[in-house]
Amino acid sequence: VESGGGLVQPGGSLRLSCVASGSFFNFVVLDWYRQAPGKQRE
C-alpha cells in the first residue's frame, strides 16, 4: 500500500511510502516503478 503522492511544483519534493504485509519483507528486493501516460512502466 503506497501513500504520499500529490501535486508539486517543479523543483519541489515528495516522499512516497509503501507498507507491506507479510513476513517476507526482510528477505526480498524492493522496487519503485513508475508509469507515465503513454509510456512503458520503468
PDB file of all heavy atoms in Angstrom:
ATOM      1  N   VAL A   1       0.854  -1.194   0.000  1.00  0.00           N
ATOM      2  CA  VAL A   1       0.000   0.000   0.000  1.00  0.00           C
ATOM      3  C   VAL A   1       0.884   1.236   0.000  1.00  0.00           C
ATOM      4  O   VAL A   1       1.633   1.481   0.958  1.00  0.00           O
ATOM      5  CB  VAL A   1      -0.942   0.022   1.222  1.00  0.00           C
ATOM      6  CG1 VAL A   1      -1.809   1.276   1.176  1.00  0.00           C
ATOM      7  CG2 VAL A   1      -1.796  -1.233   1.253  1.00  0.00           C
ATOM      8  N   GLU A   2       0.770   2.021  -1.079  1.00  0.00           N
ATOM      9  CA  GLU A   2       1.569   3.236  -1.208  1.00  0.00           C
ATOM     10  C   GLU A   2       0.800   4.456  -0.700  1.00  0.00           C
ATOM     11  O   GLU A   2      -0.438   4.476  -0.706  1.00  0.00           O
ATOM     12  CB  GLU A   2       1.948   3.497  -2.675  1.00  0.00           C
ATOM     13  CG  GLU A   2       2.734   2.406  -3.356  1.00  0.00           C
ATOM     14  CD  GLU A   2       1.860   1.517  -4.196  1.00  0.00           C
ATOM     15  OE1 GLU A   2       0.638   1.459  -3.928  1.00  0.00           O
ATOM     16  OE2 GLU A   2       2.373   0.882  -5.139  1.00  0.00           O
ATOM     17  N   SER A   3       1.561   5.470  -0.346  1.00  0.00           N
ATOM     18  CA  SER A   3       0.983   6.761   0.023  1.00  0.00           C
ATOM     19  C   SER A   3       2.012   7.845  -0.243  1.00  0.00           C
ATOM     20  O   SER A   3       3.202   7.557  -0.446  1.00  0.00           O
ATOM     21  CB  SER A   3       0.574   6.773   1.497  1.00  0.00           C
ATOM     22  OG  SER A   3       1.692   6.569   2.327  1.00  0.00           O
ATOM     23  N   GLY A   4       1.547   9.090  -0.269  1.00  0.00           N
ATOM     24  CA  GLY A   4       2.469  10.212  -0.357  1.00  0.00           C
ATOM     25  C   GLY A   4       2.503  10.934  -1.675  1.00  0.00           C
ATOM     26  O   GLY A   4       3.219  11.932  -1.813  1.00  0.00           O
ATOM     27  N   GLY A   5       1.758  10.489  -2.669  1.00  0.00           N
ATOM     28  CA  GLY A   5       1.746  11.191  -3.947  1.00  0.00           C
ATOM     29  C   GLY A   5       0.993  12.507  -3.850  1.00  0.00           C
ATOM     30  O   GLY A   5       0.426  12.856  -2.818  1.00  0.00           O
ATOM     31  N   GLY A   6       1.011  13.247  -4.966  1.00  0.00           N
ATOM     32  CA  GLY A   6       0.292  14.509  -4.994  1.00  0.00           C
ATOM     33  C   GLY A   6       0.780  15.408  -6.100  1.00  0.00           C
ATOM     34  O   GLY A   6       1.528  14.987  -6.992  1.00  0.00           O
ATOM     35  N   LEU A   7       0.361  16.673  -6.007  1.00  0.00           N
ATOM     36  CA  LEU A   7       0.747  17.697  -6.977  1.00  0.00           C
ATOM     37  C   LEU A   7       1.842  18.565  -6.367  1.00  0.00           C
ATOM     38  O   LEU A   7       1.700  19.047  -5.237  1.00  0.00           O
ATOM     39  CB  LEU A   7      -0.466  18.550  -7.333  1.00  0.00           C
ATOM     40  CG  LEU A   7      -0.219  19.782  -8.210  1.00  0.00           C
ATOM     41  CD1 LEU A   7       0.287  19.366  -9.587  1.00  0.00           C
ATOM     42  CD2 LEU A   7      -1.496  20.608  -8.319  1.00  0.00           C
ATOM     43  N   VAL A   8       2.911  18.774  -7.109  1.00  0.00           N
ATOM     44  CA  VAL A   8       4.028  19.585  -6.615  1.00  0.00           C
ATOM     45  C   VAL A   8       4.584  20.404  -7.767  1.00  0.00           C
ATOM     46  O   VAL A   8       4.513  19.988  -8.933  1.00  0.00           O
ATOM     47  CB  VAL A   8       5.115  18.673  -5.989  1.00  0.00           C
ATOM     48  CG1 VAL A   8       5.721  17.749  -7.017  1.00  0.00           C
ATOM     49  CG2 VAL A   8       6.179  19.482  -5.278  1.00  0.00           C
ATOM     50  N   GLN A   9       5.118  21.572  -7.450  1.00  0.00           N
ATOM     51  CA  GLN A   9       5.715  22.420  -8.475  1.00  0.00           C
ATOM     52  C   GLN A   9       7.098  21.902  -8.850  1.00  0.00           C
ATOM     53  O   GLN A   9       7.764  21.229  -8.044  1.00  0.00           O
ATOM     54  CB  GLN A   9       5.818  23.846  -7.961  1.00  0.00           C
ATOM     55  CG  GLN A   9       4.483  24.535  -7.781  1.00  0.00           C
ATOM     56  CD  GLN A   9       4.637  25.991  -7.408  1.00  0.00           C
ATOM     57  OE1 GLN A   9       5.688  26.436  -6.975  1.00  0.00           O
ATOM     58  NE2 GLN A   9       3.563  26.750  -7.593  1.00  0.00           N
ATOM     59  N   PRO A  10       7.549  22.207 -10.048  1.00  0.00           N
ATOM     60  CA  PRO A  10       8.913  21.831 -10.436  1.00  0.00           C
ATOM     61  C   PRO A  10       9.924  22.343  -9.408  1.00  0.00           C
ATOM     62  O   PRO A  10       9.817  23.477  -8.925  1.00  0.00           O
ATOM     63  CB  PRO A  10       9.094  22.513 -11.789  1.00  0.00           C
ATOM     64  CG  PRO A  10       7.707  22.585 -12.348  1.00  0.00           C
ATOM     65  CD  PRO A  10       6.824  22.857 -11.166  1.00  0.00           C
ATOM     66  N   GLY A  11      10.870  21.475  -9.081  1.00  0.00           N
ATOM     67  CA  GLY A  11      11.859  21.796  -8.065  1.00  0.00           C
ATOM     68  C   GLY A  11      11.456  21.395  -6.664  1.00  0.00           C
ATOM     69  O   GLY A  11      12.278  21.436  -5.746  1.00  0.00           O
ATOM     70  N   GLY A  12      10.226  20.982  -6.498  1.00  0.00           N
ATOM     71  CA  GLY A  12       9.731  20.583  -5.192  1.00  0.00           C
ATOM     72  C   GLY A  12      10.089  19.159  -4.826  1.00  0.00           C
ATOM     73  O   GLY A  12      10.801  18.468  -5.568  1.00  0.00           O
ATOM     74  N   SER A  13       9.575  18.730  -3.676  1.00  0.00           N
ATOM     75  CA  SER A  13       9.892  17.407  -3.140  1.00  0.00           C
ATOM     76  C   SER A  13       8.626  16.685  -2.705  1.00  0.00           C
ATOM     77  O   SER A  13       7.637  17.314  -2.326  1.00  0.00           O
ATOM     78  CB  SER A  13      10.830  17.533  -1.928  1.00  0.00           C
ATOM     79  OG  SER A  13      12.052  18.134  -2.272  1.00  0.00           O
ATOM     80  N   LEU A  14       8.696  15.371  -2.775  1.00  0.00           N
ATOM     81  CA  LEU A  14       7.657  14.496  -2.238  1.00  0.00           C
ATOM     82  C   LEU A  14       8.339  13.270  -1.650  1.00  0.00           C
ATOM     83  O   LEU A  14       9.424  12.867  -2.112  1.00  0.00           O
ATOM     84  CB  LEU A  14       6.670  14.051  -3.318  1.00  0.00           C
ATOM     85  CG  LEU A  14       5.611  15.031  -3.798  1.00  0.00           C
ATOM     86  CD1 LEU A  14       4.847  14.427  -4.973  1.00  0.00           C
ATOM     87  CD2 LEU A  14       4.649  15.392  -2.675  1.00  0.00           C
ATOM     88  N   ARG A  15       7.670  12.677  -0.677  1.00  0.00           N
ATOM     89  CA  ARG A  15       8.160  11.416  -0.108  1.00  0.00           C
ATOM     90  C   ARG A  15       7.054  10.382  -0.228  1.00  0.00           C
ATOM     91  O   ARG A  15       5.958  10.569   0.305  1.00  0.00           O
ATOM     92  CB  ARG A  15       8.565  11.588   1.349  1.00  0.00           C
ATOM     93  CG  ARG A  15       9.177  10.335   1.966  1.00  0.00           C
ATOM     94  CD  ARG A  15       9.648  10.591   3.385  1.00  0.00           C
ATOM     95  NE  ARG A  15      10.247   9.433   4.005  1.00  0.00           N
ATOM     96  CZ  ARG A  15      11.528   9.097   3.870  1.00  0.00           C
ATOM     97  NH1 ARG A  15      12.336   9.862   3.145  1.00  0.00           N
ATOM     98  NH2 ARG A  15      12.000   8.011   4.473  1.00  0.00           N
ATOM     99  N   LEU A  16       7.362   9.297  -0.920  1.00  0.00           N
ATOM    100  CA  LEU A  16       6.434   8.186  -1.069  1.00  0.00           C
ATOM    101  C   LEU A  16       6.788   7.096  -0.069  1.00  0.00           C
ATOM    102  O   LEU A  16       7.973   6.858   0.207  1.00  0.00           O
ATOM    103  CB  LEU A  16       6.502   7.606  -2.481  1.00  0.00           C
ATOM    104  CG  LEU A  16       6.313   8.588  -3.645  1.00  0.00           C
ATOM    105  CD1 LEU A  16       6.353   7.825  -4.963  1.00  0.00           C
ATOM    106  CD2 LEU A  16       5.039   9.367  -3.505  1.00  0.00           C
ATOM    107  N   SER A  17       5.763   6.442   0.441  1.00  0.00           N
ATOM    108  CA  SER A  17       5.967   5.317   1.340  1.00  0.00           C
ATOM    109  C   SER A  17       5.147   4.132   0.876  1.00  0.00           C
ATOM    110  O   SER A  17       4.078   4.302   0.281  1.00  0.00           O
ATOM    111  CB  SER A  17       5.562   5.688   2.769  1.00  0.00           C
ATOM    112  OG  SER A  17       6.422   6.667   3.309  1.00  0.00           O
ATOM    113  N   CYS A  18       5.645   2.954   1.162  1.00  0.00           N
ATOM    114  CA  CYS A  18       4.953   1.711   0.814  1.00  0.00           C
ATOM    115  C   CYS A  18       5.059   0.775   2.019  1.00  0.00           C
ATOM    116  O   CYS A  18       6.163   0.428   2.439  1.00  0.00           O
ATOM    117  CB  CYS A  18       5.594   1.086  -0.415  1.00  0.00           C
ATOM    118  SG  CYS A  18       4.957  -0.544  -0.846  1.00  0.00           S
ATOM    119  N   VAL A  19       3.899   0.389   2.514  1.00  0.00           N
ATOM    120  CA  VAL A  19       3.854  -0.547   3.645  1.00  0.00           C
ATOM    121  C   VAL A  19       3.450  -1.914   3.115  1.00  0.00           C
ATOM    122  O   VAL A  19       2.464  -2.041   2.379  1.00  0.00           O
ATOM    123  CB  VAL A  19       2.865  -0.070   4.714  1.00  0.00           C
ATOM    124  CG1 VAL A  19       2.827  -1.055   5.867  1.00  0.00           C
ATOM    125  CG2 VAL A  19       3.255   1.313   5.209  1.00  0.00           C
ATOM    126  N   ALA A  20       4.197  -2.930   3.516  1.00  0.00           N
ATOM    127  CA  ALA A  20       3.959  -4.281   3.039  1.00  0.00           C
ATOM    128  C   ALA A  20       3.441  -5.174   4.146  1.00  0.00           C
ATOM    129  O   ALA A  20       3.878  -5.084   5.299  1.00  0.00           O
ATOM    130  CB  ALA A  20       5.250  -4.867   2.480  1.00  0.00           C
ATOM    131  N   SER A  21       2.516  -6.059   3.794  1.00  0.00           N
ATOM    132  CA  SER A  21       2.048  -7.071   4.732  1.00  0.00           C
ATOM    133  C   SER A  21       2.894  -8.325   4.567  1.00  0.00           C
ATOM    134  O   SER A  21       3.570  -8.490   3.557  1.00  0.00           O
ATOM    135  CB  SER A  21       0.589  -7.409   4.462  1.00  0.00           C
ATOM    136  OG  SER A  21       0.455  -7.982   3.170  1.00  0.00           O
ATOM    137  N   GLY A  22       2.849  -9.213   5.519  1.00  0.00           N
ATOM    138  CA  GLY A  22       3.525 -10.491   5.364  1.00  0.00           C
ATOM    139  C   GLY A  22       4.898 -10.534   5.994  1.00  0.00           C
ATOM    140  O   GLY A  22       5.486  -9.507   6.310  1.00  0.00           O
ATOM    141  N   SER A  23       5.399 -11.740   6.153  1.00  0.00           N
ATOM    142  CA  SER A  23       6.666 -11.953   6.844  1.00  0.00           C
ATOM    143  C   SER A  23       7.853 -12.032   5.902  1.00  0.00           C
ATOM    144  O   SER A  23       8.947 -12.347   6.307  1.00  0.00           O
ATOM    145  CB  SER A  23       6.598 -13.243   7.663  1.00  0.00           C
ATOM    146  OG  SER A  23       6.340 -14.342   6.796  1.00  0.00           O
ATOM    147  N   PHE A  24       7.642 -11.742   4.636  1.00  0.00           N
ATOM    148  CA  PHE A  24       8.689 -11.866   3.629  1.00  0.00           C
ATOM    149  C   PHE A  24       9.618 -10.662   3.575  1.00  0.00           C
ATOM    150  O   PHE A  24      10.677 -10.699   2.959  1.00  0.00           O
ATOM    151  CB  PHE A  24       8.028 -11.997   2.253  1.00  0.00           C
ATOM    152  CG  PHE A  24       7.217 -10.783   1.863  1.00  0.00           C
ATOM    153  CD1 PHE A  24       7.805  -9.694   1.234  1.00  0.00           C
ATOM    154  CD2 PHE A  24       5.876 -10.712   2.183  1.00  0.00           C
ATOM    155  CE1 PHE A  24       7.065  -8.566   0.894  1.00  0.00           C
ATOM    156  CE2 PHE A  24       5.119  -9.592   1.852  1.00  0.00           C
ATOM    157  CZ  PHE A  24       5.710  -8.526   1.212  1.00  0.00           C
ATOM    158  N   PHE A  25       9.212  -9.563   4.198  1.00  0.00           N
ATOM    159  CA  PHE A  25       9.785  -8.260   3.889  1.00  0.00           C
ATOM    160  C   PHE A  25      11.303  -8.227   4.017  1.00  0.00           C
ATOM    161  O   PHE A  25      12.007  -7.672   3.171  1.00  0.00           O
ATOM    162  CB  PHE A  25       9.159  -7.198   4.791  1.00  0.00           C
ATOM    163  CG  PHE A  25       9.486  -5.783   4.379  1.00  0.00           C
ATOM    164  CD1 PHE A  25       8.715  -5.151   3.425  1.00  0.00           C
ATOM    165  CD2 PHE A  25      10.557  -5.113   4.937  1.00  0.00           C
ATOM    166  CE1 PHE A  25       9.006  -3.854   3.035  1.00  0.00           C
ATOM    167  CE2 PHE A  25      10.864  -3.817   4.548  1.00  0.00           C
ATOM    168  CZ  PHE A  25      10.077  -3.192   3.599  1.00  0.00           C
ATOM    169  N   ASN A  26      11.815  -8.834   5.102  1.00  0.00           N
ATOM    170  CA  ASN A  26      13.253  -8.735   5.345  1.00  0.00           C
ATOM    171  C   ASN A  26      14.095  -9.465   4.317  1.00  0.00           C
ATOM    172  O   ASN A  26      15.308  -9.264   4.268  1.00  0.00           O
ATOM    173  CB  ASN A  26      13.582  -9.310   6.730  1.00  0.00           C
ATOM    174  CG  ASN A  26      13.057  -8.430   7.836  1.00  0.00           C
ATOM    175  OD1 ASN A  26      12.374  -7.441   7.594  1.00  0.00           O
ATOM    176  ND2 ASN A  26      13.368  -8.797   9.063  1.00  0.00           N
ATOM    177  N   PHE A  27      13.481 -10.308   3.493  1.00  0.00           N
ATOM    178  CA  PHE A  27      14.258 -11.214   2.659  1.00  0.00           C
ATOM    179  C   PHE A  27      14.210 -10.902   1.171  1.00  0.00           C
ATOM    180  O   PHE A  27      14.678 -11.683   0.362  1.00  0.00           O
ATOM    181  CB  PHE A  27      13.754 -12.645   2.880  1.00  0.00           C
ATOM    182  CG  PHE A  27      13.717 -13.035   4.323  1.00  0.00           C
ATOM    183  CD1 PHE A  27      12.519 -13.057   5.016  1.00  0.00           C
ATOM    184  CD2 PHE A  27      14.881 -13.343   4.998  1.00  0.00           C
ATOM    185  CE1 PHE A  27      12.479 -13.391   6.352  1.00  0.00           C
ATOM    186  CE2 PHE A  27      14.850 -13.688   6.340  1.00  0.00           C
ATOM    187  CZ  PHE A  27      13.647 -13.711   7.017  1.00  0.00           C
ATOM    188  N   VAL A  28      13.649  -9.772   0.809  1.00  0.00           N
ATOM    189  CA  VAL A  28      13.427  -9.531  -0.611  1.00  0.00           C
ATOM    190  C   VAL A  28      14.019  -8.217  -1.085  1.00  0.00           C
ATOM    191  O   VAL A  28      14.333  -7.315  -0.303  1.00  0.00           O
ATOM    192  CB  VAL A  28      11.921  -9.543  -0.937  1.00  0.00           C
ATOM    193  CG1 VAL A  28      11.312 -10.890  -0.595  1.00  0.00           C
ATOM    194  CG2 VAL A  28      11.194  -8.423  -0.191  1.00  0.00           C
ATOM    195  N   VAL A  29      14.112  -8.156  -2.419  1.00  0.00           N
ATOM    196  CA  VAL A  29      14.454  -6.919  -3.101  1.00  0.00           C
ATOM    197  C   VAL A  29      13.174  -6.120  -3.316  1.00  0.00           C
ATOM    198  O   VAL A  29      12.143  -6.670  -3.705  1.00  0.00           O
ATOM    199  CB  VAL A  29      15.109  -7.240  -4.466  1.00  0.00           C
ATOM    200  CG1 VAL A  29      15.354  -5.959  -5.257  1.00  0.00           C
ATOM    201  CG2 VAL A  29      16.399  -8.012  -4.267  1.00  0.00           C
ATOM    202  N   LEU A  30      13.254  -4.835  -3.048  1.00  0.00           N
ATOM    203  CA  LEU A  30      12.099  -3.951  -3.185  1.00  0.00           C
ATOM    204  C   LEU A  30      12.357  -2.920  -4.276  1.00  0.00           C
ATOM    205  O   LEU A  30      13.462  -2.368  -4.359  1.00  0.00           O
ATOM    206  CB  LEU A  30      11.836  -3.241  -1.864  1.00  0.00           C
ATOM    207  CG  LEU A  30      11.475  -4.175  -0.711  1.00  0.00           C
ATOM    208  CD1 LEU A  30      11.713  -3.512   0.622  1.00  0.00           C
ATOM    209  CD2 LEU A  30      10.040  -4.640  -0.830  1.00  0.00           C
ATOM    210  N   ASP A  31      11.355  -2.687  -5.072  1.00  0.00           N
ATOM    211  CA  ASP A  31      11.484  -1.771  -6.212  1.00  0.00           C
ATOM    212  C   ASP A  31      10.423  -0.676  -6.158  1.00  0.00           C
ATOM    213  O   ASP A  31       9.304  -0.904  -5.695  1.00  0.00           O
ATOM    214  CB  ASP A  31      11.280  -2.523  -7.539  1.00  0.00           C
ATOM    215  CG  ASP A  31      12.286  -3.610  -7.760  1.00  0.00           C
ATOM    216  OD1 ASP A  31      13.463  -3.402  -7.425  1.00  0.00           O
ATOM    217  OD2 ASP A  31      11.886  -4.674  -8.266  1.00  0.00           O
ATOM    218  N   TRP A  32      10.797   0.472  -6.676  1.00  0.00           N
ATOM    219  CA  TRP A  32       9.827   1.507  -7.031  1.00  0.00           C
ATOM    220  C   TRP A  32       9.813   1.621  -8.556  1.00  0.00           C
ATOM    221  O   TRP A  32      10.856   1.820  -9.180  1.00  0.00           O
ATOM    222  CB  TRP A  32      10.197   2.862  -6.424  1.00  0.00           C
ATOM    223  CG  TRP A  32       9.803   3.023  -4.998  1.00  0.00           C
ATOM    224  CD1 TRP A  32      10.613   2.891  -3.894  1.00  0.00           C
ATOM    225  CD2 TRP A  32       8.502   3.336  -4.501  1.00  0.00           C
ATOM    226  NE1 TRP A  32       9.888   3.111  -2.758  1.00  0.00           N
ATOM    227  CE2 TRP A  32       8.593   3.386  -3.094  1.00  0.00           C
ATOM    228  CE3 TRP A  32       7.265   3.588  -5.102  1.00  0.00           C
ATOM    229  CZ2 TRP A  32       7.492   3.677  -2.282  1.00  0.00           C
ATOM    230  CZ3 TRP A  32       6.177   3.880  -4.295  1.00  0.00           C
ATOM    231  CH2 TRP A  32       6.294   3.922  -2.908  1.00  0.00           C
ATOM    232  N   TYR A  33       8.623   1.499  -9.110  1.00  0.00           N
ATOM    233  CA  TYR A  33       8.412   1.667 -10.544  1.00  0.00           C
ATOM    234  C   TYR A  33       7.590   2.929 -10.771  1.00  0.00           C
ATOM    235  O   TYR A  33       6.921   3.441  -9.865  1.00  0.00           O
ATOM    236  CB  TYR A  33       7.631   0.487 -11.127  1.00  0.00           C
ATOM    237  CG  TYR A  33       8.423  -0.750 -11.412  1.00  0.00           C
ATOM    238  CD1 TYR A  33       8.824  -1.599 -10.383  1.00  0.00           C
ATOM    239  CD2 TYR A  33       8.764  -1.100 -12.714  1.00  0.00           C
ATOM    240  CE1 TYR A  33       9.540  -2.755 -10.650  1.00  0.00           C
ATOM    241  CE2 TYR A  33       9.471  -2.255 -12.992  1.00  0.00           C
ATOM    242  CZ  TYR A  33       9.850  -3.089 -11.956  1.00  0.00           C
ATOM    243  OH  TYR A  33      10.557  -4.223 -12.231  1.00  0.00           O
ATOM    244  N   ARG A  34       7.576   3.385 -12.011  1.00  0.00           N
ATOM    245  CA  ARG A  34       6.660   4.454 -12.401  1.00  0.00           C
ATOM    246  C   ARG A  34       6.202   4.223 -13.829  1.00  0.00           C
ATOM    247  O   ARG A  34       6.903   3.599 -14.633  1.00  0.00           O
ATOM    248  CB  ARG A  34       7.301   5.836 -12.266  1.00  0.00           C
ATOM    249  CG  ARG A  34       8.409   6.129 -13.250  1.00  0.00           C
ATOM    250  CD  ARG A  34       9.021   7.493 -12.961  1.00  0.00           C
ATOM    251  NE  ARG A  34      10.115   7.809 -13.867  1.00  0.00           N
ATOM    252  CZ  ARG A  34      10.908   8.866 -13.737  1.00  0.00           C
ATOM    253  NH1 ARG A  34      10.718   9.725 -12.707  1.00  0.00           N
ATOM    254  NH2 ARG A  34      11.873   9.095 -14.605  1.00  0.00           N
ATOM    255  N   GLN A  35       5.010   4.732 -14.107  1.00  0.00           N
ATOM    256  CA  GLN A  35       4.481   4.660 -15.460  1.00  0.00           C
ATOM    257  C   GLN A  35       3.822   5.984 -15.799  1.00  0.00           C
ATOM    258  O   GLN A  35       2.846   6.383 -15.151  1.00  0.00           O
ATOM    259  CB  GLN A  35       3.490   3.511 -15.610  1.00  0.00           C
ATOM    260  CG  GLN A  35       3.019   3.309 -17.043  1.00  0.00           C
ATOM    261  CD  GLN A  35       2.294   2.011 -17.246  1.00  0.00           C
ATOM    262  OE1 GLN A  35       1.722   1.439 -16.324  1.00  0.00           O
ATOM    263  NE2 GLN A  35       2.280   1.527 -18.488  1.00  0.00           N
ATOM    264  N   ALA A  36       4.375   6.640 -16.790  1.00  0.00           N
ATOM    265  CA  ALA A  36       3.820   7.900 -17.285  1.00  0.00           C
ATOM    266  C   ALA A  36       2.815   7.604 -18.382  1.00  0.00           C
ATOM    267  O   ALA A  36       2.886   6.551 -19.036  1.00  0.00           O
ATOM    268  CB  ALA A  36       4.939   8.788 -17.809  1.00  0.00           C
ATOM    269  N   PRO A  37       1.887   8.518 -18.628  1.00  0.00           N
ATOM    270  CA  PRO A  37       0.889   8.297 -19.683  1.00  0.00           C
ATOM    271  C   PRO A  37       1.548   8.027 -21.032  1.00  0.00           C
ATOM    272  O   PRO A  37       2.440   8.762 -21.462  1.00  0.00           O
ATOM    273  CB  PRO A  37       0.113   9.613 -19.699  1.00  0.00           C
ATOM    274  CG  PRO A  37       0.273  10.169 -18.332  1.00  0.00           C
ATOM    275  CD  PRO A  37       1.657   9.772 -17.902  1.00  0.00           C
ATOM    276  N   GLY A  38       1.110   6.936 -21.672  1.00  0.00           N
ATOM    277  CA  GLY A  38       1.623   6.599 -22.990  1.00  0.00           C
ATOM    278  C   GLY A  38       3.007   5.987 -23.006  1.00  0.00           C
ATOM    279  O   GLY A  38       3.571   5.761 -24.080  1.00  0.00           O
ATOM    280  N   LYS A  39       3.550   5.704 -21.817  1.00  0.00           N
ATOM    281  CA  LYS A  39       4.896   5.131 -21.750  1.00  0.00           C
ATOM    282  C   LYS A  39       4.881   3.803 -21.015  1.00  0.00           C
ATOM    283  O   LYS A  39       3.947   3.499 -20.282  1.00  0.00           O
ATOM    284  CB  LYS A  39       5.850   6.111 -21.048  1.00  0.00           C
ATOM    285  CG  LYS A  39       6.086   7.400 -21.817  1.00  0.00           C
ATOM    286  CD  LYS A  39       7.174   8.225 -21.165  1.00  0.00           C
ATOM    287  CE  LYS A  39       7.461   9.475 -21.974  1.00  0.00           C
ATOM    288  NZ  LYS A  39       8.548  10.289 -21.357  1.00  0.00           N
ATOM    289  N   GLN A  40       5.945   3.041 -21.215  1.00  0.00           N
ATOM    290  CA  GLN A  40       6.083   1.765 -20.516  1.00  0.00           C
ATOM    291  C   GLN A  40       6.466   1.996 -19.057  1.00  0.00           C
ATOM    292  O   GLN A  40       7.118   2.990 -18.716  1.00  0.00           O
ATOM    293  CB  GLN A  40       7.145   0.904 -21.205  1.00  0.00           C
ATOM    294  CG  GLN A  40       6.704   0.331 -22.546  1.00  0.00           C
ATOM    295  CD  GLN A  40       7.670  -0.723 -23.062  1.00  0.00           C
ATOM    296  OE1 GLN A  40       8.861  -0.669 -22.753  1.00  0.00           O
ATOM    297  NE2 GLN A  40       7.171  -1.670 -23.830  1.00  0.00           N
ATOM    298  N   ARG A  41       6.086   1.059 -18.221  1.00  0.00           N
ATOM    299  CA  ARG A  41       6.483   1.099 -16.819  1.00  0.00           C
ATOM    300  C   ARG A  41       7.990   0.910 -16.728  1.00  0.00           C
ATOM    301  O   ARG A  41       8.564   0.081 -17.456  1.00  0.00           O
ATOM    302  CB  ARG A  41       5.760   0.009 -16.055  1.00  0.00           C
ATOM    303  CG  ARG A  41       6.000   0.000 -14.568  1.00  0.00           C
ATOM    304  CD  ARG A  41       5.222  -1.150 -13.947  1.00  0.00           C
ATOM    305  NE  ARG A  41       3.802  -0.860 -13.846  1.00  0.00           N
ATOM    306  CZ  ARG A  41       2.879  -1.786 -13.598  1.00  0.00           C
ATOM    307  NH1 ARG A  41       3.230  -3.038 -13.446  1.00  0.00           N
ATOM    308  NH2 ARG A  41       1.617  -1.437 -13.497  1.00  0.00           N
ATOM    309  N   GLU A  42       8.624   1.661 -15.857  1.00  0.00           N
ATOM    310  CA  GLU A  42      10.068   1.555 -15.696  1.00  0.00           C
ATOM    311  C   GLU A  42      10.418   1.539 -14.208  1.00  0.00           C
ATOM    312  O   GLU A  42       9.733   2.163 -13.392  1.00  0.00           O
ATOM    313  CB  GLU A  42      10.772   2.750 -16.367  1.00  0.00           C
ATOM    314  CG  GLU A  42      10.390   4.098 -15.809  1.00  0.00           C
ATOM    315  CD  GLU A  42      11.112   5.252 -16.489  1.00  0.00           C
ATOM    316  OE1 GLU A  42      11.942   5.017 -17.381  1.00  0.00           O
ATOM    317  OE2 GLU A  42      10.842   6.406 -16.112  1.00  0.00           O
TER     318      GLU A  42
END
